[in-house]
Protein backbone atom coordinates (compact mmCIF):
# COMPACT_ATOMS: atom_id res chain seq x y z
CA ILE A 1 62.88 136.20 29.19
CA SER A 2 62.28 133.13 27.08
CA VAL A 3 59.59 130.52 27.57
CA LYS A 4 59.34 127.17 25.83
CA PRO A 5 56.06 127.04 23.84
CA ASN A 6 53.12 125.20 25.43
CA THR A 7 54.65 125.04 28.90
CA THR A 8 52.24 127.50 30.50
CA PRO A 9 48.59 128.30 29.76
CA LEU A 10 47.75 131.50 27.91
CA ALA A 11 46.91 134.42 30.18
CA GLU A 12 43.79 136.50 29.71
CA PRO A 13 44.52 139.97 28.31
CA ALA A 14 44.92 142.52 31.10
CA GLY A 15 43.58 145.37 29.02
CA ALA A 16 44.09 147.36 25.86
CA GLY A 17 47.62 148.10 24.73
CA ALA A 18 49.27 150.28 22.16
CA VAL A 19 51.85 149.38 19.57
CA GLU A 20 54.56 151.97 19.20
CA PRO A 21 57.35 151.84 16.63
CA LEU A 22 60.85 151.57 18.05
CA ALA A 23 63.88 152.56 16.03
CA VAL A 24 66.76 150.19 16.64
CA GLU A 25 70.29 150.58 15.34
CA LEU A 26 72.39 147.44 15.50
CA GLY A 27 75.69 148.99 14.41
CA GLU A 28 78.58 146.51 14.30
CA LEU A 29 76.30 143.51 14.87
CA GLU A 30 74.79 143.97 11.41
CA LYS A 31 78.19 143.31 9.86
CA LYS A 32 78.67 140.05 11.78
CA VAL A 33 75.38 138.42 10.79
CA GLU A 34 74.41 137.46 7.28
CA VAL A 35 71.17 135.62 6.46
CA LEU A 36 72.01 133.07 3.79
CA GLU A 37 68.64 131.38 3.42
CA LYS A 38 65.17 131.27 4.94
CA ILE A 39 63.39 127.93 4.87
CA ALA A 40 59.71 127.78 5.74
CA GLU A 41 58.19 124.51 6.90
CA THR A 42 55.64 123.38 4.32
CA GLY A 43 53.53 120.40 3.50
CA GLY A 44 50.11 121.28 4.88
CA LYS A 45 50.53 119.02 7.89
CA VAL A 46 49.23 119.96 11.31
CA SER A 47 51.86 121.66 13.49
CA LEU A 48 52.99 119.37 16.30
CA THR A 49 52.81 122.10 18.95
CA GLU A 50 49.36 123.28 17.82
CA ALA A 51 47.72 119.92 17.10
CA GLU A 52 44.60 118.89 18.98
CA VAL A 53 45.61 115.24 18.50
CA VAL A 54 49.21 113.99 18.69
CA VAL A 55 50.16 110.41 17.82
CA THR A 56 53.63 109.61 19.12
CA GLY A 57 55.61 106.48 18.42
CA GLY A 58 58.45 105.14 20.50
CA ARG A 59 61.33 102.73 20.07
CA GLY A 60 58.90 99.82 20.47
CA MET A 61 57.60 100.54 16.96
CA GLY A 62 60.72 98.67 15.86
CA SER A 63 61.59 100.49 12.63
CA ALA A 64 61.14 103.60 10.54
CA GLU A 65 58.87 101.57 8.27
CA ALA A 66 56.47 100.89 11.14
CA PHE A 67 55.87 104.64 11.48
CA LYS A 68 53.67 104.47 8.37
CA MET A 69 50.95 103.15 10.70
CA ILE A 70 51.54 106.11 13.06
CA GLU A 71 51.26 108.51 10.09
CA GLU A 72 48.06 106.84 8.86
CA PHE A 73 46.46 106.98 12.31
CA ALA A 74 47.45 110.63 12.79
CA ASP A 75 46.07 111.52 9.34
CA LEU A 76 42.77 109.76 10.07
CA LEU A 77 42.42 111.77 13.29
CA GLY A 78 43.57 115.07 11.77
CA GLY A 79 46.55 115.05 14.09
CA ALA A 80 50.31 115.38 14.09
CA VAL A 81 53.04 112.75 14.39
CA GLY A 82 55.41 112.83 17.34
CA ALA A 83 58.39 110.69 18.27
CA THR A 84 60.56 109.91 21.28
CA ARG A 85 64.23 110.79 21.54
CA ALA A 86 65.26 107.16 20.95
CA VAL A 87 63.38 107.21 17.64
CA ILE A 88 65.04 110.49 16.60
CA ASP A 89 68.48 109.21 17.64
CA ALA A 90 67.89 106.06 15.55
CA GLY A 91 67.21 108.29 12.53
CA TRP A 92 63.69 106.99 12.01
CA ARG A 93 62.01 110.41 12.23
CA PRO A 94 63.11 114.07 11.91
CA TYR A 95 64.07 116.05 15.01
CA ALA A 96 61.11 118.43 14.45
CA GLU A 97 58.82 115.61 15.67
CA GLN A 98 60.60 114.98 18.97
CA VAL A 99 58.38 115.33 22.03
CA GLY A 100 60.07 115.71 25.40
CA GLN A 101 62.44 117.73 27.51
CA THR A 102 64.91 118.22 24.63
CA GLY A 103 62.18 118.37 21.99
CA LYS A 104 58.76 119.97 21.69
CA THR A 105 56.22 120.46 24.46
CA VAL A 106 52.67 119.64 23.43
CA GLN A 107 49.26 120.13 25.06
CA PRO A 108 46.78 118.38 22.78
CA GLY A 109 43.27 117.35 23.65
CA VAL A 110 44.31 113.73 23.02
CA TYR A 111 47.85 112.32 23.13
CA PHE A 112 48.50 108.80 21.88
CA ALA A 113 51.72 107.23 23.22
CA LEU A 114 52.27 104.13 21.10
CA ALA A 115 55.16 101.85 22.06
CA VAL A 116 56.47 104.68 24.26
CA SER A 117 58.03 103.64 27.57
CA GLY A 118 57.43 107.08 29.08
CA ALA A 119 60.77 108.19 30.52
CA VAL A 120 60.62 111.32 32.68
CA GLN A 121 62.24 113.37 29.90
CA HIS A 122 59.46 112.36 27.50
CA GLN A 123 56.75 113.05 30.08
CA ALA A 124 58.09 116.60 30.45
CA GLY A 125 56.97 117.27 26.88
CA MET A 126 53.50 115.72 27.01
CA ASN A 127 52.26 115.72 30.59
CA LYS A 128 49.94 118.70 30.04
CA SER A 129 47.89 116.74 27.50
CA LYS A 130 44.20 116.62 28.41
CA VAL A 131 43.69 112.90 27.66
CA VAL A 132 46.52 110.39 27.29
CA VAL A 133 46.06 107.00 25.62
CA ALA A 134 48.96 104.54 25.73
CA VAL A 135 49.69 101.18 24.16
CA ASN A 136 52.70 99.29 25.50
CA LYS A 137 53.47 95.61 25.98
CA ASP A 138 55.15 96.29 29.36
CA PRO A 139 52.47 96.65 32.08
CA ASP A 140 55.04 98.43 34.28
CA ALA A 141 56.01 101.04 31.68
CA PRO A 142 56.20 104.52 33.29
CA ILE A 143 53.85 105.93 30.62
CA PHE A 144 50.94 104.16 32.30
CA LYS A 145 51.32 106.51 35.30
CA GLU A 146 50.40 109.40 32.98
CA THR A 147 47.57 107.75 31.05
CA ASP A 148 43.82 108.09 31.19
CA TYR A 149 43.39 104.98 29.01
CA GLY A 150 45.98 102.25 28.63
CA VAL A 151 46.25 99.06 26.64
CA VAL A 152 48.81 96.45 27.62
CA GLY A 153 49.53 94.76 24.32
CA ASP A 154 51.63 94.58 21.18
CA VAL A 155 51.29 97.87 19.29
CA HIS A 156 51.66 95.96 16.00
CA GLN A 157 48.37 94.20 16.77
CA VAL A 158 46.54 96.99 18.61
CA LEU A 159 47.29 99.91 16.27
CA PRO A 160 45.99 98.24 13.09
CA ALA A 161 42.76 97.44 14.97
CA MET A 162 42.50 101.09 16.11
CA ILE A 163 43.06 102.28 12.53
CA GLU A 164 40.30 99.98 11.24
CA GLU A 165 37.87 101.17 13.91
CA VAL A 166 38.49 104.82 13.06
CA LYS A 167 37.97 104.04 9.37
CA LYS A 168 34.65 102.33 10.21
CA LEU A 169 33.54 105.30 12.31
CA LYS A 170 34.43 107.68 9.47
CA GLY A 171 32.69 105.46 6.94
CA ALA A 172 35.90 105.00 4.94
């Protein structure tokens, strides 16, 4: 069985268990597989799937350069950066940040969807978030059906104001 992370809530332990060693012989399979390199993700950033706050940017951000605001906002909130498939396909962000059906599934306490239209495939990756805040200039964007708080407006005007307010609250 395989389960995509963060798609179901953790179950309570049913009782005590025991760990028993199991000897496994792979035989011919060992000869067919060779590990060339192991690369660990580093950088001290918050893991997207474990973050309590996720700040996701969509195609409406307009450019890879505009994601610096997303990064700043996520850093101020101690959160992780996410992106939509359109952003990944455009090469603005790495695949590891993709939220959605073909990306990561997240369940943060707060999910910010900034310039995200909210296609069904994207919603599949974030719809278990506890609180969803969206900013989009289209009042009919599907993301607003999933939000607890929504702002109809230009993200390039709203996000800088949000960043400044968080800085004021933090005394920065």
